[in-house]
């Protein structure tokens, strides 16, 4: 069974075999030779490091960077309007790291995505002075209020296997997956003094959501090709096909 290891955990034979592989990643950091060391860049939001992949017989195959996120939530926020029609929260948010496939090169504005409610759990310091995170429910409710404006939560649902991995080819951590039913009669206007820009939050029908995903964009140019959001919506509608109307 394949697994990953750090450089420091390799035996001498595995080290020699790995260093002779043409499949290695090279860290270009202005240092003449970065072969044969572990590296990691970290922040309060996650870390990026190196991991060596092994085959079922314990032979090193190749390495690739891994990405680990701090604890976070991915939420489908939805509710029913006064006519009983299900509507779903869509957040329009710029993502500066994304290239624009319609404008090659770096000289373009940040791409704005239509996406689900998502965010990191806040860090808390208890009496023992140890750093802890808020629990999943509190974090989901807070992110829902901050990003979608929903003030009253009617129900919080965890699907079977309530975790989500955005891309297991390089992401080692999992997000908590929740479905949040909100009271659409009590939606507050988003605050303007946010640390992260959110252009707008709206609640749309499943039919409108399907059309935007099919078109790839909405009328304002927000892109519906964020895999985390698309797969989270997909899981929700697999659990609730009656709302996919």
C-alpha atoms as a PDB file:
ATOM      1  CA  UNK A   1       0.000   0.000   0.000  1.00  0.00           C
ATOM      2  CA  UNK A   2       1.451   3.377  -1.037  1.00  0.00           C
ATOM      3  CA  UNK A   3       2.477   5.811   1.678  1.00  0.00           C
ATOM      4  CA  UNK A   4       4.545   8.947   2.137  1.00  0.00           C
ATOM      5  CA  UNK A   5       7.553   9.606   4.314  1.00  0.00           C
ATOM      6  CA  UNK A   6       9.846  12.467   5.213  1.00  0.00           C
ATOM      7  CA  UNK A   7      13.490  12.462   4.129  1.00  0.00           C
ATOM      8  CA  UNK A   8      14.620  12.061   7.720  1.00  0.00           C
ATOM      9  CA  UNK A   9      12.687   8.780   7.985  1.00  0.00           C
ATOM     10  CA  UNK A  10      14.385   7.112   5.004  1.00  0.00           C
ATOM     11  CA  UNK A  11      17.012   4.435   5.446  1.00  0.00           C
ATOM     12  CA  UNK A  12      20.383   4.933   3.618  1.00  0.00           C
ATOM     13  CA  UNK A  13      19.474   2.673   0.681  1.00  0.00           C
ATOM     14  CA  UNK A  14      16.164   4.436   0.127  1.00  0.00           C
ATOM     15  CA  UNK A  15      17.900   7.814   0.244  1.00  0.00           C
ATOM     16  CA  UNK A  16      20.391   6.802  -2.443  1.00  0.00           C
ATOM     17  CA  UNK A  17      17.667   5.311  -4.618  1.00  0.00           C
ATOM     18  CA  UNK A  18      15.463   8.360  -4.259  1.00  0.00           C
ATOM     19  CA  UNK A  19      18.226  10.863  -5.065  1.00  0.00           C
ATOM     20  CA  UNK A  20      18.962   9.006  -8.303  1.00  0.00           C
ATOM     21  CA  UNK A  21      15.334   9.282  -9.446  1.00  0.00           C
ATOM     22  CA  UNK A  22      14.565  11.589 -12.347  1.00  0.00           C
ATOM     23  CA  UNK A  23      11.051  12.179 -10.959  1.00  0.00           C
ATOM     24  CA  UNK A  24      12.125  14.308  -7.984  1.00  0.00           C
ATOM     25  CA  UNK A  25      10.826  17.814  -7.398  1.00  0.00           C
ATOM     26  CA  UNK A  26      13.532  20.456  -6.959  1.00  0.00           C
ATOM     27  CA  UNK A  27      13.102  23.392  -4.594  1.00  0.00           C
ATOM     28  CA  UNK A  28      14.583  26.445  -6.299  1.00  0.00           C
ATOM     29  CA  UNK A  29      15.321  28.707  -3.356  1.00  0.00           C
ATOM     30  CA  UNK A  30      18.599  30.342  -4.342  1.00  0.00           C
ATOM     31  CA  UNK A  31      20.627  27.617  -2.656  1.00  0.00           C
ATOM     32  CA  UNK A  32      22.982  25.552  -4.859  1.00  0.00           C
ATOM     33  CA  UNK A  33      21.772  22.102  -3.773  1.00  0.00           C
ATOM     34  CA  UNK A  34      18.529  21.427  -1.918  1.00  0.00           C
ATOM     35  CA  UNK A  35      18.616  17.662  -2.419  1.00  0.00           C
ATOM     36  CA  UNK A  36      18.220  15.426   0.563  1.00  0.00           C
ATOM     37  CA  UNK A  37      16.413  17.638   3.071  1.00  0.00           C
ATOM     38  CA  UNK A  38      12.860  18.056   4.297  1.00  0.00           C
ATOM     39  CA  UNK A  39      11.285  21.460   3.804  1.00  0.00           C
ATOM     40  CA  UNK A  40       8.070  23.107   4.912  1.00  0.00           C
ATOM     41  CA  UNK A  41       6.540  26.560   4.691  1.00  0.00           C
ATOM     42  CA  UNK A  42       3.836  27.225   7.258  1.00  0.00           C
ATOM     43  CA  UNK A  43       1.355  29.890   8.340  1.00  0.00           C
ATOM     44  CA  UNK A  44      -1.694  30.119  10.631  1.00  0.00           C
ATOM     45  CA  UNK A  45      -3.789  28.922   7.694  1.00  0.00           C
ATOM     46  CA  UNK A  46      -1.823  25.849   6.665  1.00  0.00           C
ATOM     47  CA  UNK A  47       1.478  24.529   5.408  1.00  0.00           C
ATOM     48  CA  UNK A  48       3.236  23.310   2.278  1.00  0.00           C
ATOM     49  CA  UNK A  49       5.985  20.702   2.503  1.00  0.00           C
ATOM     50  CA  UNK A  50       7.680  17.790   0.793  1.00  0.00           C
ATOM     51  CA  UNK A  51       6.690  14.125   0.981  1.00  0.00           C
ATOM     52  CA  UNK A  52       8.172  11.038  -0.681  1.00  0.00           C
ATOM     53  CA  UNK A  53       5.716   8.492  -2.060  1.00  0.00           C
ATOM     54  CA  UNK A  54       6.401   4.769  -1.568  1.00  0.00           C
ATOM     55  CA  UNK A  55       4.995   1.707  -3.285  1.00  0.00           C
ATOM     56  CA  UNK A  56       3.501  -1.336  -1.555  1.00  0.00           C
ATOM     57  CA  UNK A  57       6.951  -2.898  -1.153  1.00  0.00           C
ATOM     58  CA  UNK A  58       8.437   0.158   0.551  1.00  0.00           C
ATOM     59  CA  UNK A  59      10.334   1.442  -2.488  1.00  0.00           C
ATOM     60  CA  UNK A  60      10.445   5.245  -2.961  1.00  0.00           C
ATOM     61  CA  UNK A  61       8.752   6.184  -6.208  1.00  0.00           C
ATOM     62  CA  UNK A  62       8.658   9.965  -6.399  1.00  0.00           C
ATOM     63  CA  UNK A  63       8.030  13.040  -4.314  1.00  0.00           C
ATOM     64  CA  UNK A  64       5.651  15.932  -4.597  1.00  0.00           C
ATOM     65  CA  UNK A  65       4.692  18.899  -2.445  1.00  0.00           C
ATOM     66  CA  UNK A  66       1.751  18.476  -0.095  1.00  0.00           C
ATOM     67  CA  UNK A  67      -0.658  21.143   1.107  1.00  0.00           C
ATOM     68  CA  UNK A  68      -2.233  21.020   4.561  1.00  0.00           C
ATOM     69  CA  UNK A  69      -4.999  23.424   5.598  1.00  0.00           C
ATOM     70  CA  UNK A  70      -5.910  24.538   9.098  1.00  0.00           C
ATOM     71  CA  UNK A  71      -9.297  23.181  10.282  1.00  0.00           C
ATOM     72  CA  UNK A  72     -12.063  24.576   8.095  1.00  0.00           C
ATOM     73  CA  UNK A  73     -15.651  24.106   6.951  1.00  0.00           C
ATOM     74  CA  UNK A  74     -17.378  23.791   3.576  1.00  0.00           C
ATOM     75  CA  UNK A  75     -21.085  24.616   3.810  1.00  0.00           C
ATOM     76  CA  UNK A  76     -24.096  24.473   1.538  1.00  0.00           C
ATOM     77  CA  UNK A  77     -26.330  27.199   2.965  1.00  0.00           C
ATOM     78  CA  UNK A  78     -29.931  27.059   1.810  1.00  0.00           C
ATOM     79  CA  UNK A  79     -33.484  27.840   2.823  1.00  0.00           C
ATOM     80  CA  UNK A  80     -37.026  28.099   1.538  1.00  0.00           C
ATOM     81  CA  UNK A  81     -38.617  31.378   0.504  1.00  0.00           C
ATOM     82  CA  UNK A  82     -42.185  32.430   1.373  1.00  0.00           C
ATOM     83  CA  UNK A  83     -43.476  30.259  -1.460  1.00  0.00           C
ATOM     84  CA  UNK A  84     -41.647  27.173  -0.241  1.00  0.00           C
ATOM     85  CA  UNK A  85     -39.051  27.273  -3.033  1.00  0.00           C
ATOM     86  CA  UNK A  86     -35.555  26.152  -2.043  1.00  0.00           C
ATOM     87  CA  UNK A  87     -32.833  28.723  -2.627  1.00  0.00           C
ATOM     88  CA  UNK A  88     -29.082  28.373  -2.204  1.00  0.00           C
ATOM     89  CA  UNK A  89     -26.470  30.822  -1.008  1.00  0.00           C
ATOM     90  CA  UNK A  90     -23.886  31.836  -3.592  1.00  0.00           C
ATOM     91  CA  UNK A  91     -20.944  34.003  -2.580  1.00  0.00           C
ATOM     92  CA  UNK A  92     -19.085  36.065  -5.191  1.00  0.00           C
ATOM     93  CA  UNK A  93     -15.469  36.361  -4.090  1.00  0.00           C
ATOM     94  CA  UNK A  94     -12.225  37.233  -5.916  1.00  0.00           C
ATOM     95  CA  UNK A  95      -9.429  34.659  -5.747  1.00  0.00           C
ATOM     96  CA  UNK A  96      -6.122  36.417  -6.561  1.00  0.00           C
ATOM     97  CA  UNK A  97      -4.072  33.208  -6.952  1.00  0.00           C
ATOM     98  CA  UNK A  98      -6.138  31.942  -9.886  1.00  0.00           C
ATOM     99  CA  UNK A  99      -4.948  32.607 -13.418  1.00  0.00           C
ATOM    100  CA  UNK A 100      -7.533  33.840 -15.903  1.00  0.00           C
ATOM    101  CA  UNK A 101      -7.770  31.332 -18.796  1.00  0.00           C
ATOM    102  CA  UNK A 102      -9.352  34.039 -20.973  1.00  0.00           C
ATOM    103  CA  UNK A 103      -6.479  36.466 -20.345  1.00  0.00           C
ATOM    104  CA  UNK A 104      -3.130  34.622 -20.357  1.00  0.00           C
ATOM    105  CA  UNK A 105      -0.368  36.172 -18.310  1.00  0.00           C
ATOM    106  CA  UNK A 106      -0.407  37.958 -14.974  1.00  0.00           C
ATOM    107  CA  UNK A 107      -1.832  41.303 -16.100  1.00  0.00           C
ATOM    108  CA  UNK A 108      -5.477  40.760 -15.162  1.00  0.00           C
ATOM    109  CA  UNK A 109      -7.816  41.486 -12.301  1.00  0.00           C
ATOM    110  CA  UNK A 110      -8.439  38.731  -9.719  1.00  0.00           C
ATOM    111  CA  UNK A 111     -10.876  36.124 -10.992  1.00  0.00           C
ATOM    112  CA  UNK A 112     -14.206  36.295  -9.145  1.00  0.00           C
ATOM    113  CA  UNK A 113     -15.808  32.926  -8.343  1.00  0.00           C
ATOM    114  CA  UNK A 114     -19.374  31.986  -7.479  1.00  0.00           C
ATOM    115  CA  UNK A 115     -18.933  29.654  -4.522  1.00  0.00           C
ATOM    116  CA  UNK A 116     -20.287  28.093  -1.343  1.00  0.00           C
ATOM    117  CA  UNK A 117     -19.778  29.415   2.187  1.00  0.00           C
ATOM    118  CA  UNK A 118     -16.366  28.238   3.373  1.00  0.00           C
ATOM    119  CA  UNK A 119     -13.752  29.338   5.862  1.00  0.00           C
ATOM    120  CA  UNK A 120     -11.240  28.507   8.562  1.00  0.00           C
ATOM    121  CA  UNK A 121     -12.232  27.785  12.128  1.00  0.00           C
ATOM    122  CA  UNK A 122     -11.069  30.509  14.487  1.00  0.00           C
ATOM    123  CA  UNK A 123      -8.295  29.833  16.958  1.00  0.00           C
ATOM    124  CA  UNK A 124      -9.140  30.129  20.643  1.00  0.00           C
ATOM    125  CA  UNK A 125      -6.920  30.330  23.715  1.00  0.00           C
ATOM    126  CA  UNK A 126      -8.253  28.619  26.825  1.00  0.00           C
ATOM    127  CA  UNK A 127      -7.269  28.927  30.464  1.00  0.00           C
ATOM    128  CA  UNK A 128      -4.466  26.439  29.916  1.00  0.00           C
ATOM    129  CA  UNK A 129      -3.053  28.839  27.291  1.00  0.00           C
ATOM    130  CA  UNK A 130      -3.091  26.067  24.703  1.00  0.00           C
ATOM    131  CA  UNK A 131      -4.231  27.046  21.255  1.00  0.00           C
ATOM    132  CA  UNK A 132      -7.554  25.448  20.301  1.00  0.00           C
ATOM    133  CA  UNK A 133     -10.064  25.812  17.484  1.00  0.00           C
ATOM    134  CA  UNK A 134     -13.743  26.625  17.755  1.00  0.00           C
ATOM    135  CA  UNK A 135     -15.950  23.608  17.166  1.00  0.00           C
ATOM    136  CA  UNK A 136     -17.307  22.799  13.720  1.00  0.00           C
ATOM    137  CA  UNK A 137     -20.895  23.940  14.408  1.00  0.00           C
ATOM    138  CA  UNK A 138     -19.830  27.300  15.846  1.00  0.00           C
ATOM    139  CA  UNK A 139     -17.455  27.879  12.951  1.00  0.00           C
ATOM    140  CA  UNK A 140     -20.084  26.971  10.366  1.00  0.00           C
ATOM    141  CA  UNK A 141     -22.690  29.266  11.947  1.00  0.00           C
ATOM    142  CA  UNK A 142     -20.203  32.139  12.156  1.00  0.00           C
ATOM    143  CA  UNK A 143     -19.040  31.726   8.547  1.00  0.00           C
ATOM    144  CA  UNK A 144     -22.651  31.448   7.374  1.00  0.00           C
ATOM    145  CA  UNK A 145     -23.550  34.732   9.061  1.00  0.00           C
ATOM    146  CA  UNK A 146     -20.402  36.502   7.864  1.00  0.00           C
ATOM    147  CA  UNK A 147     -20.516  35.341   4.245  1.00  0.00           C
ATOM    148  CA  UNK A 148     -24.202  34.798   3.467  1.00  0.00           C
ATOM    149  CA  UNK A 149     -25.899  37.176   5.906  1.00  0.00           C
ATOM    150  CA  UNK A 150     -28.077  34.421   7.410  1.00  0.00           C
ATOM    151  CA  UNK A 151     -28.853  35.293  11.039  1.00  0.00           C
ATOM    152  CA  UNK A 152     -31.163  32.432  12.069  1.00  0.00           C
ATOM    153  CA  UNK A 153     -30.191  28.789  11.540  1.00  0.00           C
ATOM    154  CA  UNK A 154     -33.055  26.283  11.378  1.00  0.00           C
ATOM    155  CA  UNK A 155     -31.037  23.098  10.988  1.00  0.00           C
ATOM    156  CA  UNK A 156     -27.470  21.813  10.679  1.00  0.00           C
ATOM    157  CA  UNK A 157     -27.045  18.544   8.814  1.00  0.00           C
ATOM    158  CA  UNK A 158     -23.994  16.323   8.489  1.00  0.00           C
ATOM    159  CA  UNK A 159     -24.147  13.969   5.488  1.00  0.00           C
ATOM    160  CA  UNK A 160     -22.886  10.417   5.750  1.00  0.00           C
ATOM    161  CA  UNK A 161     -19.074  10.647   5.718  1.00  0.00           C
ATOM    162  CA  UNK A 162     -19.100  14.370   6.547  1.00  0.00           C
ATOM    163  CA  UNK A 163     -15.661  15.317   5.234  1.00  0.00           C
ATOM    164  CA  UNK A 164     -14.438  16.846   2.017  1.00  0.00           C
ATOM    165  CA  UNK A 165     -11.065  16.762   0.251  1.00  0.00           C
ATOM    166  CA  UNK A 166     -10.682  19.367  -2.508  1.00  0.00           C
ATOM    167  CA  UNK A 167      -7.896  17.512  -4.335  1.00  0.00           C
ATOM    168  CA  UNK A 168      -6.320  14.398  -2.812  1.00  0.00           C
ATOM    169  CA  UNK A 169      -3.456  14.428  -5.302  1.00  0.00           C
ATOM    170  CA  UNK A 170      -1.694  16.998  -3.137  1.00  0.00           C
ATOM    171  CA  UNK A 171      -4.018  18.069  -0.279  1.00  0.00           C
ATOM    172  CA  UNK A 172      -3.520  15.897   2.818  1.00  0.00           C
ATOM    173  CA  UNK A 173      -6.157  17.448   5.096  1.00  0.00           C
ATOM    174  CA  UNK A 174      -9.955  17.348   5.013  1.00  0.00           C
ATOM    175  CA  UNK A 175     -12.646  19.995   5.438  1.00  0.00           C
ATOM    176  CA  UNK A 176     -15.747  19.444   7.570  1.00  0.00           C
ATOM    177  CA  UNK A 177     -18.828  19.232   5.367  1.00  0.00           C
ATOM    178  CA  UNK A 178     -22.153  20.679   6.576  1.00  0.00           C
ATOM    179  CA  UNK A 179     -25.555  21.566   5.141  1.00  0.00           C
ATOM    180  CA  UNK A 180     -27.005  24.678   6.820  1.00  0.00           C
ATOM    181  CA  UNK A 181     -30.712  25.461   6.547  1.00  0.00           C
ATOM    182  CA  UNK A 182     -31.284  29.163   7.179  1.00  0.00           C
ATOM    183  CA  UNK A 183     -34.371  31.310   7.712  1.00  0.00           C
ATOM    184  CA  UNK A 184     -34.467  33.359   4.512  1.00  0.00           C
ATOM    185  CA  UNK A 185     -36.738  35.930   6.152  1.00  0.00           C
ATOM    186  CA  UNK A 186     -33.822  37.009   8.345  1.00  0.00           C
ATOM    187  CA  UNK A 187     -30.885  37.795   6.069  1.00  0.00           C
ATOM    188  CA  UNK A 188     -28.700  40.739   7.041  1.00  0.00           C
ATOM    189  CA  UNK A 189     -26.686  42.939   4.720  1.00  0.00           C
ATOM    190  CA  UNK A 190     -23.029  41.954   4.631  1.00  0.00           C
ATOM    191  CA  UNK A 191     -20.618  44.103   6.602  1.00  0.00           C
ATOM    192  CA  UNK A 192     -18.214  46.190   4.551  1.00  0.00           C
ATOM    193  CA  UNK A 193     -15.231  46.005   6.924  1.00  0.00           C
ATOM    194  CA  UNK A 194     -14.304  42.393   6.183  1.00  0.00           C
ATOM    195  CA  UNK A 195     -10.723  41.149   6.068  1.00  0.00           C
ATOM    196  CA  UNK A 196     -11.519  39.308   2.837  1.00  0.00           C
ATOM    197  CA  UNK A 197     -13.481  40.938   0.021  1.00  0.00           C
ATOM    198  CA  UNK A 198     -16.853  39.454  -0.847  1.00  0.00           C
ATOM    199  CA  UNK A 199     -18.543  41.251  -3.715  1.00  0.00           C
ATOM    200  CA  UNK A 200     -22.037  39.945  -3.028  1.00  0.00           C
ATOM    201  CA  UNK A 201     -24.076  37.150  -1.477  1.00  0.00           C
ATOM    202  CA  UNK A 202     -27.350  36.012  -2.981  1.00  0.00           C
ATOM    203  CA  UNK A 203     -29.836  33.159  -2.738  1.00  0.00           C
ATOM    204  CA  UNK A 204     -30.808  31.528  -6.017  1.00  0.00           C
ATOM    205  CA  UNK A 205     -32.919  28.543  -7.084  1.00  0.00           C
ATOM    206  CA  UNK A 206     -31.478  25.169  -8.065  1.00  0.00           C
ATOM    207  CA  UNK A 207     -32.488  25.909 -11.665  1.00  0.00           C
ATOM    208  CA  UNK A 208     -30.529  29.177 -11.637  1.00  0.00           C
ATOM    209  CA  UNK A 209     -27.544  27.438 -10.063  1.00  0.00           C
ATOM    210  CA  UNK A 210     -27.624  24.673 -12.699  1.00  0.00           C
ATOM    211  CA  UNK A 211     -27.715  27.240 -15.494  1.00  0.00           C
ATOM    212  CA  UNK A 212     -24.785  29.209 -14.107  1.00  0.00           C
ATOM    213  CA  UNK A 213     -22.730  26.046 -13.738  1.00  0.00           C
ATOM    214  CA  UNK A 214     -23.603  25.002 -17.295  1.00  0.00           C
ATOM    215  CA  UNK A 215     -22.688  28.458 -18.641  1.00  0.00           C
ATOM    216  CA  UNK A 216     -19.562  28.688 -16.490  1.00  0.00           C
ATOM    217  CA  UNK A 217     -20.364  32.250 -15.439  1.00  0.00           C
ATOM    218  CA  UNK A 218     -23.203  34.387 -14.147  1.00  0.00           C
ATOM    219  CA  UNK A 219     -24.437  37.679 -15.595  1.00  0.00           C
ATOM    220  CA  UNK A 220     -21.831  39.625 -13.598  1.00  0.00           C
ATOM    221  CA  UNK A 221     -18.924  37.477 -14.769  1.00  0.00           C
ATOM    222  CA  UNK A 222     -18.400  35.382 -11.616  1.00  0.00           C
ATOM    223  CA  UNK A 223     -16.934  32.010 -12.621  1.00  0.00           C
ATOM    224  CA  UNK A 224     -18.605  28.710 -11.615  1.00  0.00           C
ATOM    225  CA  UNK A 225     -15.600  26.432 -11.942  1.00  0.00           C
ATOM    226  CA  UNK A 226     -14.420  26.190  -8.328  1.00  0.00           C
ATOM    227  CA  UNK A 227     -14.073  22.443  -7.727  1.00  0.00           C
ATOM    228  CA  UNK A 228     -14.579  22.679  -3.954  1.00  0.00           C
ATOM    229  CA  UNK A 229     -17.932  24.419  -4.405  1.00  0.00           C
ATOM    230  CA  UNK A 230     -19.084  22.294  -7.331  1.00  0.00           C
ATOM    231  CA  UNK A 231     -18.374  19.010  -5.575  1.00  0.00           C
ATOM    232  CA  UNK A 232     -19.995  20.239  -2.341  1.00  0.00           C
ATOM    233  CA  UNK A 233     -23.162  21.205  -4.217  1.00  0.00           C
ATOM    234  CA  UNK A 234     -23.042  17.820  -5.968  1.00  0.00           C
ATOM    235  CA  UNK A 235     -22.892  15.982  -2.628  1.00  0.00           C
ATOM    236  CA  UNK A 236     -25.787  18.053  -1.298  1.00  0.00           C
ATOM    237  CA  UNK A 237     -28.042  17.294  -4.260  1.00  0.00           C
ATOM    238  CA  UNK A 238     -27.124  13.603  -4.119  1.00  0.00           C
ATOM    239  CA  UNK A 239     -28.363  13.674  -0.516  1.00  0.00           C
ATOM    240  CA  UNK A 240     -31.415  15.809  -1.390  1.00  0.00           C
ATOM    241  CA  UNK A 241     -32.460  15.050  -4.972  1.00  0.00           C
ATOM    242  CA  UNK A 242     -35.935  16.368  -4.157  1.00  0.00           C
ATOM    243  CA  UNK A 243     -34.464  19.887  -4.006  1.00  0.00           C
ATOM    244  CA  UNK A 244     -32.732  19.596  -7.393  1.00  0.00           C
ATOM    245  CA  UNK A 245     -35.727  20.993  -9.239  1.00  0.00           C
END
